[in-house]
């Protein structure tokens, strides 16, 4: 289930000041259900239906839920379609993190300058020359569900119910953040017969969500943590 509510507003002042504002809310809810079974002693090997087998060896079912909610806003401004500025803010919450660390804040800034629209620009063979720069952030929660809490599996031990710990949770994990910086030039030359761009970018990931392995003598194998930069 995905739902989005968007509010857009735009206005031009005195013919040269152009402003656009976007406000929004987004929610996402997923539920995955699985059921499977395994049988043995098939009468006709080419028939894969379970009713074609005599012995039920295993059966299982499970369900998992995932929810995401976000609020965001963006402001764009340009002066006489010559100078461009933009800024945005987003606040997201993921069910994959503990309630104390569920929300993340992400920002972006950008700007551009159309040089060929300046009065002092005299190169007729240049149809468009734009300088641009931007910086922005994105969040990542792609680690699977329930990593912030301990999980257990129910097992059959000599006909009795037994619990085995499947994963060890870490309630302190939170969003991984990708920060991107970009600067470049776009151009159109010779009546737009030659177009292209030159760009430099730098991407840095902080608070990387990684599996941290521990000695098996601890009683478990690994857990997730925000431990790396790249």
C-alpha atoms as a PDB file:
ATOM      1  CA  UNK A   1       0.000   0.000   0.000  1.00  0.00           C
ATOM      2  CA  UNK A   2       1.461   3.323  -1.101  1.00  0.00           C
ATOM      3  CA  UNK A   3      -0.121   6.715  -0.517  1.00  0.00           C
ATOM      4  CA  UNK A   4       1.201  10.149  -1.489  1.00  0.00           C
ATOM      5  CA  UNK A   5      -0.248  13.579  -0.837  1.00  0.00           C
ATOM      6  CA  UNK A   6       1.362  16.480  -2.710  1.00  0.00           C
ATOM      7  CA  UNK A   7       0.757  20.223  -2.542  1.00  0.00           C
ATOM      8  CA  UNK A   8       2.303  22.404  -5.269  1.00  0.00           C
ATOM      9  CA  UNK A   9       2.372  26.184  -5.459  1.00  0.00           C
ATOM     10  CA  UNK A  10       4.015  28.407  -8.086  1.00  0.00           C
ATOM     11  CA  UNK A  11       4.023  32.132  -8.707  1.00  0.00           C
ATOM     12  CA  UNK A  12       5.891  34.743 -10.756  1.00  0.00           C
ATOM     13  CA  UNK A  13       6.581  38.197  -9.320  1.00  0.00           C
ATOM     14  CA  UNK A  14       7.201  41.180 -11.605  1.00  0.00           C
ATOM     15  CA  UNK A  15       7.863  38.817 -14.489  1.00  0.00           C
ATOM     16  CA  UNK A  16      11.346  37.802 -13.338  1.00  0.00           C
ATOM     17  CA  UNK A  17      11.075  36.224  -9.857  1.00  0.00           C
ATOM     18  CA  UNK A  18       9.806  32.647 -10.251  1.00  0.00           C
ATOM     19  CA  UNK A  19       9.029  30.634  -7.117  1.00  0.00           C
ATOM     20  CA  UNK A  20       7.862  27.029  -6.763  1.00  0.00           C
ATOM     21  CA  UNK A  21       7.043  25.268  -3.483  1.00  0.00           C
ATOM     22  CA  UNK A  22       6.311  21.580  -2.967  1.00  0.00           C
ATOM     23  CA  UNK A  23       5.070  19.973   0.259  1.00  0.00           C
ATOM     24  CA  UNK A  24       4.329  16.286   0.579  1.00  0.00           C
ATOM     25  CA  UNK A  25       3.701  13.238   2.711  1.00  0.00           C
ATOM     26  CA  UNK A  26       4.371   9.634   1.756  1.00  0.00           C
ATOM     27  CA  UNK A  27       3.509   6.373   3.461  1.00  0.00           C
ATOM     28  CA  UNK A  28       4.289   2.806   2.470  1.00  0.00           C
ATOM     29  CA  UNK A  29       3.220  -0.465   4.061  1.00  0.00           C
ATOM     30  CA  UNK A  30       4.275  -3.930   2.915  1.00  0.00           C
ATOM     31  CA  UNK A  31       3.177  -7.309   4.201  1.00  0.00           C
ATOM     32  CA  UNK A  32       4.724 -10.507   2.886  1.00  0.00           C
ATOM     33  CA  UNK A  33       3.230 -13.931   3.649  1.00  0.00           C
ATOM     34  CA  UNK A  34       4.858 -17.258   2.830  1.00  0.00           C
ATOM     35  CA  UNK A  35       3.696 -20.848   3.092  1.00  0.00           C
ATOM     36  CA  UNK A  36       5.580 -23.915   1.931  1.00  0.00           C
ATOM     37  CA  UNK A  37       5.674 -27.661   2.463  1.00  0.00           C
ATOM     38  CA  UNK A  38       7.870 -30.601   1.550  1.00  0.00           C
ATOM     39  CA  UNK A  39       6.825 -34.227   0.992  1.00  0.00           C
ATOM     40  CA  UNK A  40       8.596 -37.451   0.093  1.00  0.00           C
ATOM     41  CA  UNK A  41       7.832 -40.736  -1.684  1.00  0.00           C
ATOM     42  CA  UNK A  42       6.242 -39.429  -4.868  1.00  0.00           C
ATOM     43  CA  UNK A  43       4.228 -42.017  -6.802  1.00  0.00           C
ATOM     44  CA  UNK A  44       4.839 -40.411 -10.212  1.00  0.00           C
ATOM     45  CA  UNK A  45       8.217 -38.574 -10.253  1.00  0.00           C
ATOM     46  CA  UNK A  46       7.139 -36.276 -13.086  1.00  0.00           C
ATOM     47  CA  UNK A  47       4.133 -34.999 -11.101  1.00  0.00           C
ATOM     48  CA  UNK A  48       5.283 -32.324  -8.605  1.00  0.00           C
ATOM     49  CA  UNK A  49       1.933 -31.891  -6.806  1.00  0.00           C
ATOM     50  CA  UNK A  50       2.055 -32.577  -3.065  1.00  0.00           C
ATOM     51  CA  UNK A  51      -0.960 -34.888  -3.245  1.00  0.00           C
ATOM     52  CA  UNK A  52       1.213 -37.181  -5.369  1.00  0.00           C
ATOM     53  CA  UNK A  53       3.471 -37.899  -2.355  1.00  0.00           C
ATOM     54  CA  UNK A  54       2.849 -40.084   0.669  1.00  0.00           C
ATOM     55  CA  UNK A  55       5.011 -38.613   3.441  1.00  0.00           C
ATOM     56  CA  UNK A  56       4.927 -35.032   4.748  1.00  0.00           C
ATOM     57  CA  UNK A  57       8.468 -34.182   5.868  1.00  0.00           C
ATOM     58  CA  UNK A  58       8.160 -30.469   6.619  1.00  0.00           C
ATOM     59  CA  UNK A  59       5.783 -27.504   6.429  1.00  0.00           C
ATOM     60  CA  UNK A  60       6.066 -23.865   7.392  1.00  0.00           C
ATOM     61  CA  UNK A  61       4.510 -20.428   7.062  1.00  0.00           C
ATOM     62  CA  UNK A  62       5.593 -16.923   8.000  1.00  0.00           C
ATOM     63  CA  UNK A  63       4.668 -13.254   7.693  1.00  0.00           C
ATOM     64  CA  UNK A  64       6.685 -10.027   7.813  1.00  0.00           C
ATOM     65  CA  UNK A  65       5.700  -6.372   7.738  1.00  0.00           C
ATOM     66  CA  UNK A  66       7.577  -3.236   6.721  1.00  0.00           C
ATOM     67  CA  UNK A  67       6.440   0.392   6.949  1.00  0.00           C
ATOM     68  CA  UNK A  68       7.939   3.674   5.789  1.00  0.00           C
ATOM     69  CA  UNK A  69       6.659   7.189   6.378  1.00  0.00           C
ATOM     70  CA  UNK A  70       8.079  10.477   5.195  1.00  0.00           C
ATOM     71  CA  UNK A  71       7.453  14.212   5.126  1.00  0.00           C
ATOM     72  CA  UNK A  72       9.226  16.379   2.574  1.00  0.00           C
ATOM     73  CA  UNK A  73       9.392  19.854   1.128  1.00  0.00           C
ATOM     74  CA  UNK A  74      11.178  21.646  -1.692  1.00  0.00           C
ATOM     75  CA  UNK A  75      11.617  25.291  -2.688  1.00  0.00           C
ATOM     76  CA  UNK A  76      12.803  26.376  -6.130  1.00  0.00           C
ATOM     77  CA  UNK A  77      13.610  29.936  -7.212  1.00  0.00           C
ATOM     78  CA  UNK A  78      14.988  31.433 -10.382  1.00  0.00           C
ATOM     79  CA  UNK A  79      15.605  35.021 -11.354  1.00  0.00           C
ATOM     80  CA  UNK A  80      14.696  35.770 -14.963  1.00  0.00           C
ATOM     81  CA  UNK A  81      15.525  32.138 -15.872  1.00  0.00           C
ATOM     82  CA  UNK A  82      19.167  33.069 -15.389  1.00  0.00           C
ATOM     83  CA  UNK A  83      20.001  32.230 -11.768  1.00  0.00           C
ATOM     84  CA  UNK A  84      18.541  29.062 -10.254  1.00  0.00           C
ATOM     85  CA  UNK A  85      18.440  27.975  -6.613  1.00  0.00           C
ATOM     86  CA  UNK A  86      16.763  25.034  -4.895  1.00  0.00           C
ATOM     87  CA  UNK A  87      16.591  23.512  -1.417  1.00  0.00           C
ATOM     88  CA  UNK A  88      14.811  20.490  -0.021  1.00  0.00           C
ATOM     89  CA  UNK A  89      14.264  18.717   3.271  1.00  0.00           C
ATOM     90  CA  UNK A  90      12.980  15.224   3.957  1.00  0.00           C
ATOM     91  CA  UNK A  91      12.218  13.424   7.228  1.00  0.00           C
ATOM     92  CA  UNK A  92      11.675   9.665   7.026  1.00  0.00           C
ATOM     93  CA  UNK A  93      10.835   6.923   9.500  1.00  0.00           C
ATOM     94  CA  UNK A  94      11.433   3.202   8.942  1.00  0.00           C
ATOM     95  CA  UNK A  95      10.000   0.276  10.867  1.00  0.00           C
ATOM     96  CA  UNK A  96      13.369  -1.463  10.442  1.00  0.00           C
ATOM     97  CA  UNK A  97      14.801   0.647  13.259  1.00  0.00           C
ATOM     98  CA  UNK A  98      13.975   0.895  16.962  1.00  0.00           C
ATOM     99  CA  UNK A  99      11.374   3.606  17.751  1.00  0.00           C
ATOM    100  CA  UNK A 100      14.105   5.668  19.466  1.00  0.00           C
ATOM    101  CA  UNK A 101      16.158   5.766  16.237  1.00  0.00           C
ATOM    102  CA  UNK A 102      13.477   5.472  13.586  1.00  0.00           C
ATOM    103  CA  UNK A 103      13.543   8.981  12.094  1.00  0.00           C
ATOM    104  CA  UNK A 104      16.203  10.395   9.771  1.00  0.00           C
ATOM    105  CA  UNK A 105      16.666  13.924   8.366  1.00  0.00           C
ATOM    106  CA  UNK A 106      18.012  14.552   4.853  1.00  0.00           C
ATOM    107  CA  UNK A 107      18.773  17.812   3.045  1.00  0.00           C
ATOM    108  CA  UNK A 108      19.782  19.106  -0.372  1.00  0.00           C
ATOM    109  CA  UNK A 109      20.936  22.387  -1.939  1.00  0.00           C
ATOM    110  CA  UNK A 110      21.486  23.270  -5.579  1.00  0.00           C
ATOM    111  CA  UNK A 111      22.185  26.158  -7.897  1.00  0.00           C
ATOM    112  CA  UNK A 112      22.855  26.994 -11.537  1.00  0.00           C
ATOM    113  CA  UNK A 113      23.949  30.017 -13.566  1.00  0.00           C
ATOM    114  CA  UNK A 114      23.142  30.497 -17.289  1.00  0.00           C
ATOM    115  CA  UNK A 115      26.182  32.491 -18.380  1.00  0.00           C
ATOM    116  CA  UNK A 116      25.144  33.052 -21.979  1.00  0.00           C
ATOM    117  CA  UNK A 117      22.170  35.149 -20.819  1.00  0.00           C
ATOM    118  CA  UNK A 118      24.454  37.775 -19.312  1.00  0.00           C
ATOM    119  CA  UNK A 119      24.728  41.019 -21.256  1.00  0.00           C
ATOM    120  CA  UNK A 120      28.505  40.875 -21.247  1.00  0.00           C
ATOM    121  CA  UNK A 121      28.520  37.420 -22.874  1.00  0.00           C
ATOM    122  CA  UNK A 122      29.285  38.002 -26.578  1.00  0.00           C
ATOM    123  CA  UNK A 123      30.089  34.546 -28.014  1.00  0.00           C
ATOM    124  CA  UNK A 124      27.366  34.011 -30.640  1.00  0.00           C
ATOM    125  CA  UNK A 125      28.494  30.450 -31.326  1.00  0.00           C
ATOM    126  CA  UNK A 126      27.549  29.452 -27.767  1.00  0.00           C
ATOM    127  CA  UNK A 127      23.814  28.737 -27.537  1.00  0.00           C
ATOM    128  CA  UNK A 128      23.834  27.670 -23.900  1.00  0.00           C
ATOM    129  CA  UNK A 129      26.470  27.607 -21.165  1.00  0.00           C
ATOM    130  CA  UNK A 130      25.418  26.653 -17.670  1.00  0.00           C
ATOM    131  CA  UNK A 131      27.412  26.278 -14.473  1.00  0.00           C
ATOM    132  CA  UNK A 132      25.781  24.077 -11.848  1.00  0.00           C
ATOM    133  CA  UNK A 133      26.484  22.679  -8.388  1.00  0.00           C
ATOM    134  CA  UNK A 134      24.506  20.625  -5.908  1.00  0.00           C
ATOM    135  CA  UNK A 135      24.790  18.775  -2.621  1.00  0.00           C
ATOM    136  CA  UNK A 136      22.231  16.338  -1.256  1.00  0.00           C
ATOM    137  CA  UNK A 137      21.596  13.421   1.066  1.00  0.00           C
ATOM    138  CA  UNK A 138      19.671  10.154   0.841  1.00  0.00           C
ATOM    139  CA  UNK A 139      18.866   7.567   3.486  1.00  0.00           C
ATOM    140  CA  UNK A 140      19.194   3.803   3.214  1.00  0.00           C
ATOM    141  CA  UNK A 141      17.430   1.212   5.397  1.00  0.00           C
ATOM    142  CA  UNK A 142      17.873  -1.818   3.122  1.00  0.00           C
ATOM    143  CA  UNK A 143      18.981  -4.388   5.715  1.00  0.00           C
ATOM    144  CA  UNK A 144      15.883  -6.560   6.094  1.00  0.00           C
ATOM    145  CA  UNK A 145      13.251  -6.520   8.797  1.00  0.00           C
ATOM    146  CA  UNK A 146      13.569  -6.797  12.587  1.00  0.00           C
ATOM    147  CA  UNK A 147      17.329  -6.246  12.731  1.00  0.00           C
ATOM    148  CA  UNK A 148      16.970  -3.989  15.774  1.00  0.00           C
ATOM    149  CA  UNK A 149      15.541  -6.736  17.999  1.00  0.00           C
ATOM    150  CA  UNK A 150      16.309 -10.335  18.925  1.00  0.00           C
ATOM    151  CA  UNK A 151      14.408 -12.963  16.938  1.00  0.00           C
ATOM    152  CA  UNK A 152      13.749 -16.599  17.793  1.00  0.00           C
ATOM    153  CA  UNK A 153      12.706 -19.714  15.891  1.00  0.00           C
ATOM    154  CA  UNK A 154      10.400 -22.402  17.230  1.00  0.00           C
ATOM    155  CA  UNK A 155      11.852 -25.891  16.915  1.00  0.00           C
ATOM    156  CA  UNK A 156      10.684 -29.454  17.542  1.00  0.00           C
ATOM    157  CA  UNK A 157      12.921 -31.064  20.171  1.00  0.00           C
ATOM    158  CA  UNK A 158      11.868 -34.652  20.766  1.00  0.00           C
ATOM    159  CA  UNK A 159       8.237 -33.693  20.301  1.00  0.00           C
ATOM    160  CA  UNK A 160       8.483 -30.692  22.632  1.00  0.00           C
ATOM    161  CA  UNK A 161       8.471 -26.966  21.856  1.00  0.00           C
ATOM    162  CA  UNK A 162      11.897 -25.331  21.933  1.00  0.00           C
ATOM    163  CA  UNK A 163      13.085 -21.824  21.051  1.00  0.00           C
ATOM    164  CA  UNK A 164      16.366 -21.137  19.278  1.00  0.00           C
ATOM    165  CA  UNK A 165      17.716 -17.629  18.888  1.00  0.00           C
ATOM    166  CA  UNK A 166      17.931 -16.739  15.186  1.00  0.00           C
ATOM    167  CA  UNK A 167      19.380 -13.215  15.273  1.00  0.00           C
ATOM    168  CA  UNK A 168      20.707 -10.781  17.857  1.00  0.00           C
ATOM    169  CA  UNK A 169      19.300  -7.291  17.449  1.00  0.00           C
ATOM    170  CA  UNK A 170      20.899  -3.894  17.936  1.00  0.00           C
ATOM    171  CA  UNK A 171      18.407  -1.203  18.931  1.00  0.00           C
ATOM    172  CA  UNK A 172      20.948   1.573  18.226  1.00  0.00           C
ATOM    173  CA  UNK A 173      21.092   1.076  14.443  1.00  0.00           C
ATOM    174  CA  UNK A 174      19.670   3.882  12.352  1.00  0.00           C
ATOM    175  CA  UNK A 175      19.699   5.285   8.809  1.00  0.00           C
ATOM    176  CA  UNK A 176      22.735   4.945   6.580  1.00  0.00           C
ATOM    177  CA  UNK A 177      23.347   8.299   4.862  1.00  0.00           C
ATOM    178  CA  UNK A 178      24.618   8.884   1.313  1.00  0.00           C
ATOM    179  CA  UNK A 179      25.910  12.426   0.704  1.00  0.00           C
ATOM    180  CA  UNK A 180      26.515  13.556  -2.885  1.00  0.00           C
ATOM    181  CA  UNK A 181      28.363  16.657  -4.125  1.00  0.00           C
ATOM    182  CA  UNK A 182      28.281  17.562  -7.824  1.00  0.00           C
ATOM    183  CA  UNK A 183      29.686  20.448  -9.870  1.00  0.00           C
ATOM    184  CA  UNK A 184      29.640  20.738 -13.636  1.00  0.00           C
ATOM    185  CA  UNK A 185      29.132  22.597 -16.891  1.00  0.00           C
ATOM    186  CA  UNK A 186      26.437  22.023 -19.533  1.00  0.00           C
ATOM    187  CA  UNK A 187      26.901  23.488 -23.019  1.00  0.00           C
ATOM    188  CA  UNK A 188      25.308  23.783 -26.467  1.00  0.00           C
ATOM    189  CA  UNK A 189      27.495  25.059 -29.292  1.00  0.00           C
ATOM    190  CA  UNK A 190      27.228  25.905 -32.999  1.00  0.00           C
ATOM    191  CA  UNK A 191      23.434  26.262 -33.163  1.00  0.00           C
ATOM    192  CA  UNK A 192      23.098  23.329 -30.724  1.00  0.00           C
ATOM    193  CA  UNK A 193      24.817  20.937 -33.128  1.00  0.00           C
ATOM    194  CA  UNK A 194      27.323  20.086 -30.371  1.00  0.00           C
ATOM    195  CA  UNK A 195      25.988  19.486 -26.858  1.00  0.00           C
ATOM    196  CA  UNK A 196      27.489  17.947 -23.773  1.00  0.00           C
ATOM    197  CA  UNK A 197      28.453  18.281 -20.134  1.00  0.00           C
ATOM    198  CA  UNK A 198      31.514  17.977 -17.913  1.00  0.00           C
ATOM    199  CA  UNK A 199      30.954  17.004 -14.300  1.00  0.00           C
ATOM    200  CA  UNK A 200      32.817  16.178 -11.112  1.00  0.00           C
ATOM    201  CA  UNK A 201      31.085  14.364  -8.283  1.00  0.00           C
ATOM    202  CA  UNK A 202      31.944  13.044  -4.855  1.00  0.00           C
ATOM    203  CA  UNK A 203      29.809  10.515  -2.991  1.00  0.00           C
ATOM    204  CA  UNK A 204      30.377   9.629   0.642  1.00  0.00           C
ATOM    205  CA  UNK A 205      28.422   7.089   2.663  1.00  0.00           C
ATOM    206  CA  UNK A 206      28.409   7.489   6.435  1.00  0.00           C
ATOM    207  CA  UNK A 207      27.002   5.290   9.203  1.00  0.00           C
ATOM    208  CA  UNK A 208      27.110   2.297   6.883  1.00  0.00           C
ATOM    209  CA  UNK A 209      24.862  -0.570   7.934  1.00  0.00           C
ATOM    210  CA  UNK A 210      27.186  -3.557   8.061  1.00  0.00           C
ATOM    211  CA  UNK A 211      27.164  -7.031   9.564  1.00  0.00           C
ATOM    212  CA  UNK A 212      29.526  -7.206  12.528  1.00  0.00           C
ATOM    213  CA  UNK A 213      30.827 -10.718  13.194  1.00  0.00           C
ATOM    214  CA  UNK A 214      31.624 -11.868  16.718  1.00  0.00           C
ATOM    215  CA  UNK A 215      33.291 -15.010  18.132  1.00  0.00           C
ATOM    216  CA  UNK A 216      30.914 -17.969  18.176  1.00  0.00           C
ATOM    217  CA  UNK A 217      31.704 -18.340  21.871  1.00  0.00           C
ATOM    218  CA  UNK A 218      29.468 -15.301  22.349  1.00  0.00           C
ATOM    219  CA  UNK A 219      26.517 -17.533  21.606  1.00  0.00           C
ATOM    220  CA  UNK A 220      25.596 -15.895  18.294  1.00  0.00           C
ATOM    221  CA  UNK A 221      27.170 -15.246  14.906  1.00  0.00           C
ATOM    222  CA  UNK A 222      26.670 -11.566  14.016  1.00  0.00           C
ATOM    223  CA  UNK A 223      24.510  -8.458  14.258  1.00  0.00           C
ATOM    224  CA  UNK A 224      24.068  -5.198  12.347  1.00  0.00           C
ATOM    225  CA  UNK A 225      25.624  -1.857  13.301  1.00  0.00           C
ATOM    226  CA  UNK A 226      26.420   1.594  11.849  1.00  0.00           C
ATOM    227  CA  UNK A 227      30.164   1.055  11.668  1.00  0.00           C
ATOM    228  CA  UNK A 228      31.624   2.248   8.372  1.00  0.00           C
ATOM    229  CA  UNK A 229      32.247   5.131   5.976  1.00  0.00           C
ATOM    230  CA  UNK A 230      33.011   4.818   2.271  1.00  0.00           C
END
